[in-house]
C-alpha atoms as a PDB file:
ATOM      1  CA  UNK A   1       0.000   0.000   0.000  1.00  0.00           C
ATOM      2  CA  UNK A   2       1.317   3.402  -1.011  1.00  0.00           C
ATOM      3  CA  UNK A   3       1.812   6.086   1.637  1.00  0.00           C
ATOM      4  CA  UNK A   4       1.998   9.844   1.638  1.00  0.00           C
ATOM      5  CA  UNK A   5       4.164  10.492   4.677  1.00  0.00           C
ATOM      6  CA  UNK A   6       2.446   8.413   7.361  1.00  0.00           C
ATOM      7  CA  UNK A   7      -0.928   8.539   5.585  1.00  0.00           C
ATOM      8  CA  UNK A   8      -1.947   5.269   3.908  1.00  0.00           C
ATOM      9  CA  UNK A   9      -3.434   5.900   0.498  1.00  0.00           C
ATOM     10  CA  UNK A  10      -6.370   3.793  -0.734  1.00  0.00           C
ATOM     11  CA  UNK A  11      -5.930   1.317  -3.588  1.00  0.00           C
ATOM     12  CA  UNK A  12      -7.786   3.510  -6.071  1.00  0.00           C
ATOM     13  CA  UNK A  13      -5.012   6.107  -5.759  1.00  0.00           C
ATOM     14  CA  UNK A  14      -2.899   3.907  -8.059  1.00  0.00           C
ATOM     15  CA  UNK A  15      -5.661   3.431 -10.615  1.00  0.00           C
ATOM     16  CA  UNK A  16      -5.120   6.004 -13.415  1.00  0.00           C
ATOM     17  CA  UNK A  17      -8.810   6.451 -14.389  1.00  0.00           C
ATOM     18  CA  UNK A  18      -9.564   7.891 -10.957  1.00  0.00           C
ATOM     19  CA  UNK A  19      -7.422  10.895 -11.853  1.00  0.00           C
ATOM     20  CA  UNK A  20      -9.736  11.707 -14.767  1.00  0.00           C
ATOM     21  CA  UNK A  21     -13.357  12.784 -14.323  1.00  0.00           C
ATOM     22  CA  UNK A  22     -15.424   9.825 -15.441  1.00  0.00           C
ATOM     23  CA  UNK A  23     -18.071  10.431 -18.120  1.00  0.00           C
ATOM     24  CA  UNK A  24     -20.540   7.739 -16.973  1.00  0.00           C
ATOM     25  CA  UNK A  25     -22.769   9.129 -14.212  1.00  0.00           C
ATOM     26  CA  UNK A  26     -22.711   6.065 -11.909  1.00  0.00           C
ATOM     27  CA  UNK A  27     -18.941   5.741 -12.190  1.00  0.00           C
ATOM     28  CA  UNK A  28     -18.441   9.462 -11.610  1.00  0.00           C
ATOM     29  CA  UNK A  29     -20.649   9.355  -8.497  1.00  0.00           C
ATOM     30  CA  UNK A  30     -18.553   6.513  -7.064  1.00  0.00           C
ATOM     31  CA  UNK A  31     -15.354   8.354  -8.031  1.00  0.00           C
ATOM     32  CA  UNK A  32     -16.548  11.560  -6.353  1.00  0.00           C
ATOM     33  CA  UNK A  33     -17.518   9.665  -3.180  1.00  0.00           C
ATOM     34  CA  UNK A  34     -14.078   8.016  -2.985  1.00  0.00           C
ATOM     35  CA  UNK A  35     -12.305  11.351  -3.479  1.00  0.00           C
ATOM     36  CA  UNK A  36     -14.492  13.113  -0.898  1.00  0.00           C
ATOM     37  CA  UNK A  37     -13.645  10.463   1.713  1.00  0.00           C
ATOM     38  CA  UNK A  38      -9.950  10.590   0.808  1.00  0.00           C
ATOM     39  CA  UNK A  39      -9.787  14.404   1.025  1.00  0.00           C
ATOM     40  CA  UNK A  40     -11.589  14.479   4.400  1.00  0.00           C
ATOM     41  CA  UNK A  41      -9.451  11.661   5.867  1.00  0.00           C
ATOM     42  CA  UNK A  42      -6.210  13.199   4.619  1.00  0.00           C
ATOM     43  CA  UNK A  43      -7.085  16.693   5.853  1.00  0.00           C
ATOM     44  CA  UNK A  44      -8.129  15.322   9.272  1.00  0.00           C
ATOM     45  CA  UNK A  45      -4.939  13.306   9.796  1.00  0.00           C
ATOM     46  CA  UNK A  46      -2.674  16.071   8.461  1.00  0.00           C
ATOM     47  CA  UNK A  47      -4.643  18.896  10.146  1.00  0.00           C
ATOM     48  CA  UNK A  48      -5.152  20.691   6.843  1.00  0.00           C
ATOM     49  CA  UNK A  49      -8.006  23.185   6.746  1.00  0.00           C
ATOM     50  CA  UNK A  50      -7.460  25.083   3.487  1.00  0.00           C
ATOM     51  CA  UNK A  51      -6.912  23.714   0.003  1.00  0.00           C
ATOM     52  CA  UNK A  52      -5.917  26.170  -2.702  1.00  0.00           C
ATOM     53  CA  UNK A  53      -6.719  24.931  -6.203  1.00  0.00           C
ATOM     54  CA  UNK A  54      -3.826  26.810  -7.777  1.00  0.00           C
ATOM     55  CA  UNK A  55      -1.247  25.318  -5.400  1.00  0.00           C
ATOM     56  CA  UNK A  56       0.095  21.775  -5.525  1.00  0.00           C
ATOM     57  CA  UNK A  57      -1.831  19.625  -3.063  1.00  0.00           C
ATOM     58  CA  UNK A  58      -0.245  16.224  -2.312  1.00  0.00           C
ATOM     59  CA  UNK A  59      -3.384  14.197  -3.026  1.00  0.00           C
ATOM     60  CA  UNK A  60      -4.015  15.723  -6.415  1.00  0.00           C
ATOM     61  CA  UNK A  61      -1.132  13.998  -8.167  1.00  0.00           C
ATOM     62  CA  UNK A  62       0.514  10.588  -8.130  1.00  0.00           C
ATOM     63  CA  UNK A  63       4.036  10.526  -9.536  1.00  0.00           C
ATOM     64  CA  UNK A  64       4.138   6.706  -9.402  1.00  0.00           C
ATOM     65  CA  UNK A  65       1.509   6.481 -12.147  1.00  0.00           C
ATOM     66  CA  UNK A  66       2.280   9.890 -13.678  1.00  0.00           C
ATOM     67  CA  UNK A  67      -1.220  11.250 -13.130  1.00  0.00           C
ATOM     68  CA  UNK A  68      -2.616  14.525 -11.796  1.00  0.00           C
ATOM     69  CA  UNK A  69      -6.144  15.765 -11.350  1.00  0.00           C
ATOM     70  CA  UNK A  70      -7.231  18.472 -13.755  1.00  0.00           C
ATOM     71  CA  UNK A  71      -8.391  21.808 -12.371  1.00  0.00           C
ATOM     72  CA  UNK A  72     -11.938  20.775 -13.345  1.00  0.00           C
ATOM     73  CA  UNK A  73     -11.669  17.518 -11.356  1.00  0.00           C
ATOM     74  CA  UNK A  74     -10.224  19.290  -8.305  1.00  0.00           C
ATOM     75  CA  UNK A  75     -13.046  21.799  -8.356  1.00  0.00           C
ATOM     76  CA  UNK A  76     -15.649  19.038  -8.885  1.00  0.00           C
ATOM     77  CA  UNK A  77     -14.437  17.028  -5.884  1.00  0.00           C
ATOM     78  CA  UNK A  78     -14.225  20.075  -3.610  1.00  0.00           C
ATOM     79  CA  UNK A  79     -17.615  21.322  -4.827  1.00  0.00           C
ATOM     80  CA  UNK A  80     -19.072  17.934  -3.873  1.00  0.00           C
ATOM     81  CA  UNK A  81     -17.683  18.455  -0.354  1.00  0.00           C
ATOM     82  CA  UNK A  82     -19.234  21.927  -0.317  1.00  0.00           C
ATOM     83  CA  UNK A  83     -22.600  20.424  -1.333  1.00  0.00           C
ATOM     84  CA  UNK A  84     -22.322  17.979   1.583  1.00  0.00           C
ATOM     85  CA  UNK A  85     -21.569  20.798   4.046  1.00  0.00           C
ATOM     86  CA  UNK A  86     -18.047  19.431   4.567  1.00  0.00           C
ATOM     87  CA  UNK A  87     -16.285  22.396   2.933  1.00  0.00           C
ATOM     88  CA  UNK A  88     -16.872  26.019   1.945  1.00  0.00           C
ATOM     89  CA  UNK A  89     -15.456  28.106  -0.835  1.00  0.00           C
ATOM     90  CA  UNK A  90     -13.470  30.977   0.661  1.00  0.00           C
ATOM     91  CA  UNK A  91     -13.747  33.163  -2.428  1.00  0.00           C
ATOM     92  CA  UNK A  92     -16.164  33.717  -5.298  1.00  0.00           C
ATOM     93  CA  UNK A  93     -13.655  32.431  -7.853  1.00  0.00           C
ATOM     94  CA  UNK A  94     -13.472  29.004  -6.150  1.00  0.00           C
ATOM     95  CA  UNK A  95      -9.705  29.192  -5.756  1.00  0.00           C
ATOM     96  CA  UNK A  96      -9.554  28.356  -2.024  1.00  0.00           C
ATOM     97  CA  UNK A  97     -11.629  25.905  -0.060  1.00  0.00           C
ATOM     98  CA  UNK A  98     -12.054  25.605   3.700  1.00  0.00           C
ATOM     99  CA  UNK A  99     -12.320  21.890   4.514  1.00  0.00           C
ATOM    100  CA  UNK A 100     -14.559  21.038   7.454  1.00  0.00           C
ATOM    101  CA  UNK A 101     -13.555  17.553   8.482  1.00  0.00           C
ATOM    102  CA  UNK A 102     -15.818  18.267  11.432  1.00  0.00           C
ATOM    103  CA  UNK A 103     -18.879  20.393  10.853  1.00  0.00           C
ATOM    104  CA  UNK A 104     -18.921  23.669  12.809  1.00  0.00           C
ATOM    105  CA  UNK A 105     -21.458  22.280  15.315  1.00  0.00           C
ATOM    106  CA  UNK A 106     -19.201  19.236  15.849  1.00  0.00           C
ATOM    107  CA  UNK A 107     -16.262  21.567  16.542  1.00  0.00           C
ATOM    108  CA  UNK A 108     -18.473  23.409  19.025  1.00  0.00           C
ATOM    109  CA  UNK A 109     -19.257  20.092  20.747  1.00  0.00           C
ATOM    110  CA  UNK A 110     -15.530  19.272  20.881  1.00  0.00           C
ATOM    111  CA  UNK A 111     -14.889  22.629  22.560  1.00  0.00           C
ATOM    112  CA  UNK A 112     -17.556  21.946  25.203  1.00  0.00           C
ATOM    113  CA  UNK A 113     -16.055  18.502  25.883  1.00  0.00           C
ATOM    114  CA  UNK A 114     -12.570  20.039  26.062  1.00  0.00           C
ATOM    115  CA  UNK A 115     -13.781  22.622  28.594  1.00  0.00           C
ATOM    116  CA  UNK A 116     -15.471  19.986  30.761  1.00  0.00           C
ATOM    117  CA  UNK A 117     -12.609  17.457  30.573  1.00  0.00           C
ATOM    118  CA  UNK A 118     -10.091  20.112  31.603  1.00  0.00           C
ATOM    119  CA  UNK A 119     -12.190  21.682  34.359  1.00  0.00           C
ATOM    120  CA  UNK A 120     -12.330  25.010  32.540  1.00  0.00           C
ATOM    121  CA  UNK A 121     -15.965  25.807  33.292  1.00  0.00           C
ATOM    122  CA  UNK A 122     -16.267  29.442  34.412  1.00  0.00           C
ATOM    123  CA  UNK A 123     -12.690  30.186  33.346  1.00  0.00           C
ATOM    124  CA  UNK A 124     -11.126  32.494  30.768  1.00  0.00           C
ATOM    125  CA  UNK A 125      -8.776  31.521  27.927  1.00  0.00           C
ATOM    126  CA  UNK A 126      -7.446  33.370  24.923  1.00  0.00           C
ATOM    127  CA  UNK A 127      -8.362  32.123  21.476  1.00  0.00           C
ATOM    128  CA  UNK A 128      -4.673  31.375  20.896  1.00  0.00           C
ATOM    129  CA  UNK A 129      -4.515  29.246  24.062  1.00  0.00           C
ATOM    130  CA  UNK A 130      -7.372  27.134  22.725  1.00  0.00           C
ATOM    131  CA  UNK A 131      -5.592  26.735  19.371  1.00  0.00           C
ATOM    132  CA  UNK A 132      -2.050  26.185  20.590  1.00  0.00           C
ATOM    133  CA  UNK A 133      -1.912  26.163  24.374  1.00  0.00           C
ATOM    134  CA  UNK A 134      -0.673  23.431  26.695  1.00  0.00           C
ATOM    135  CA  UNK A 135      -4.243  22.365  27.526  1.00  0.00           C
ATOM    136  CA  UNK A 136      -5.122  21.661  23.898  1.00  0.00           C
ATOM    137  CA  UNK A 137      -2.011  19.600  23.095  1.00  0.00           C
ATOM    138  CA  UNK A 138      -2.960  16.105  22.008  1.00  0.00           C
ATOM    139  CA  UNK A 139      -6.543  17.143  21.205  1.00  0.00           C
ATOM    140  CA  UNK A 140      -8.190  17.844  17.879  1.00  0.00           C
ATOM    141  CA  UNK A 141      -8.422  21.499  18.885  1.00  0.00           C
ATOM    142  CA  UNK A 142      -4.638  21.892  18.843  1.00  0.00           C
ATOM    143  CA  UNK A 143      -3.755  23.642  15.599  1.00  0.00           C
ATOM    144  CA  UNK A 144      -7.368  24.314  14.615  1.00  0.00           C
ATOM    145  CA  UNK A 145      -7.801  26.916  11.898  1.00  0.00           C
ATOM    146  CA  UNK A 146      -8.653  30.278  13.478  1.00  0.00           C
ATOM    147  CA  UNK A 147     -11.657  30.834  11.188  1.00  0.00           C
ATOM    148  CA  UNK A 148     -13.137  27.446  12.089  1.00  0.00           C
ATOM    149  CA  UNK A 149     -12.486  28.004  15.793  1.00  0.00           C
ATOM    150  CA  UNK A 150     -14.097  31.458  15.789  1.00  0.00           C
ATOM    151  CA  UNK A 151     -17.179  30.147  14.016  1.00  0.00           C
ATOM    152  CA  UNK A 152     -17.524  27.288  16.517  1.00  0.00           C
ATOM    153  CA  UNK A 153     -17.053  29.728  19.411  1.00  0.00           C
ATOM    154  CA  UNK A 154     -19.756  32.005  17.956  1.00  0.00           C
ATOM    155  CA  UNK A 155     -22.154  29.016  17.846  1.00  0.00           C
ATOM    156  CA  UNK A 156     -21.486  28.434  21.547  1.00  0.00           C
ATOM    157  CA  UNK A 157     -21.782  32.140  22.315  1.00  0.00           C
ATOM    158  CA  UNK A 158     -25.185  32.184  20.599  1.00  0.00           C
ATOM    159  CA  UNK A 159     -26.231  29.273  22.856  1.00  0.00           C
ATOM    160  CA  UNK A 160     -25.060  31.148  25.951  1.00  0.00           C
ATOM    161  CA  UNK A 161     -22.222  28.735  26.747  1.00  0.00           C
ATOM    162  CA  UNK A 162     -19.485  31.346  26.505  1.00  0.00           C
ATOM    163  CA  UNK A 163     -18.737  34.996  25.904  1.00  0.00           C
ATOM    164  CA  UNK A 164     -16.137  36.211  23.420  1.00  0.00           C
ATOM    165  CA  UNK A 165     -14.408  39.444  24.277  1.00  0.00           C
ATOM    166  CA  UNK A 166     -11.995  41.532  22.265  1.00  0.00           C
ATOM    167  CA  UNK A 167      -8.593  42.619  23.407  1.00  0.00           C
ATOM    168  CA  UNK A 168      -6.374  45.250  21.840  1.00  0.00           C
ATOM    169  CA  UNK A 169      -5.353  42.951  18.951  1.00  0.00           C
ATOM    170  CA  UNK A 170      -6.683  39.869  17.135  1.00  0.00           C
ATOM    171  CA  UNK A 171      -4.469  37.492  19.141  1.00  0.00           C
ATOM    172  CA  UNK A 172      -5.765  39.162  22.298  1.00  0.00           C
ATOM    173  CA  UNK A 173      -9.305  37.814  21.935  1.00  0.00           C
ATOM    174  CA  UNK A 174     -10.575  35.925  24.925  1.00  0.00           C
ATOM    175  CA  UNK A 175     -13.303  33.484  25.814  1.00  0.00           C
ATOM    176  CA  UNK A 176     -15.169  33.231  29.129  1.00  0.00           C
ATOM    177  CA  UNK A 177     -16.723  29.786  29.411  1.00  0.00           C
ATOM    178  CA  UNK A 178     -20.001  29.193  31.242  1.00  0.00           C
ATOM    179  CA  UNK A 179     -20.908  25.605  30.367  1.00  0.00           C
END
């Protein structure tokens, strides 16, 4: 089985037709499903949140079989993730995609669990501490994309589980938990 770093690639990754958009609807649907799962799994294990279509992305080419996805195929697979609510285009030109290997509500649930497991109810943390602090090491929150984190925090704020307050700069933002 081929690997990309420590990530084990599925068997279809070595099958050249999967690097070309398939013309038959049933085959294309299966192809799109396989690519969606691969993209989500890879992004989750590698903690990748943003895919730029114009930049080389490791999954989109396979040197061993001398194949690369076309721009059209890349956009089709990412658009399928967008349709499923597992990604969002970050620009109107569809050049950058925010991959949501957890939906925003799932990230919000992870934050609540993190707060409870670490006894942080009724405490204050900075946004940066949540993303890269000692408490978050070894959790899925460590290294979370700031945009994703802020959206999940806003969901919790709307539910009354925390308050977000601004400091003097963006990395000064804080969160007061009340779960």
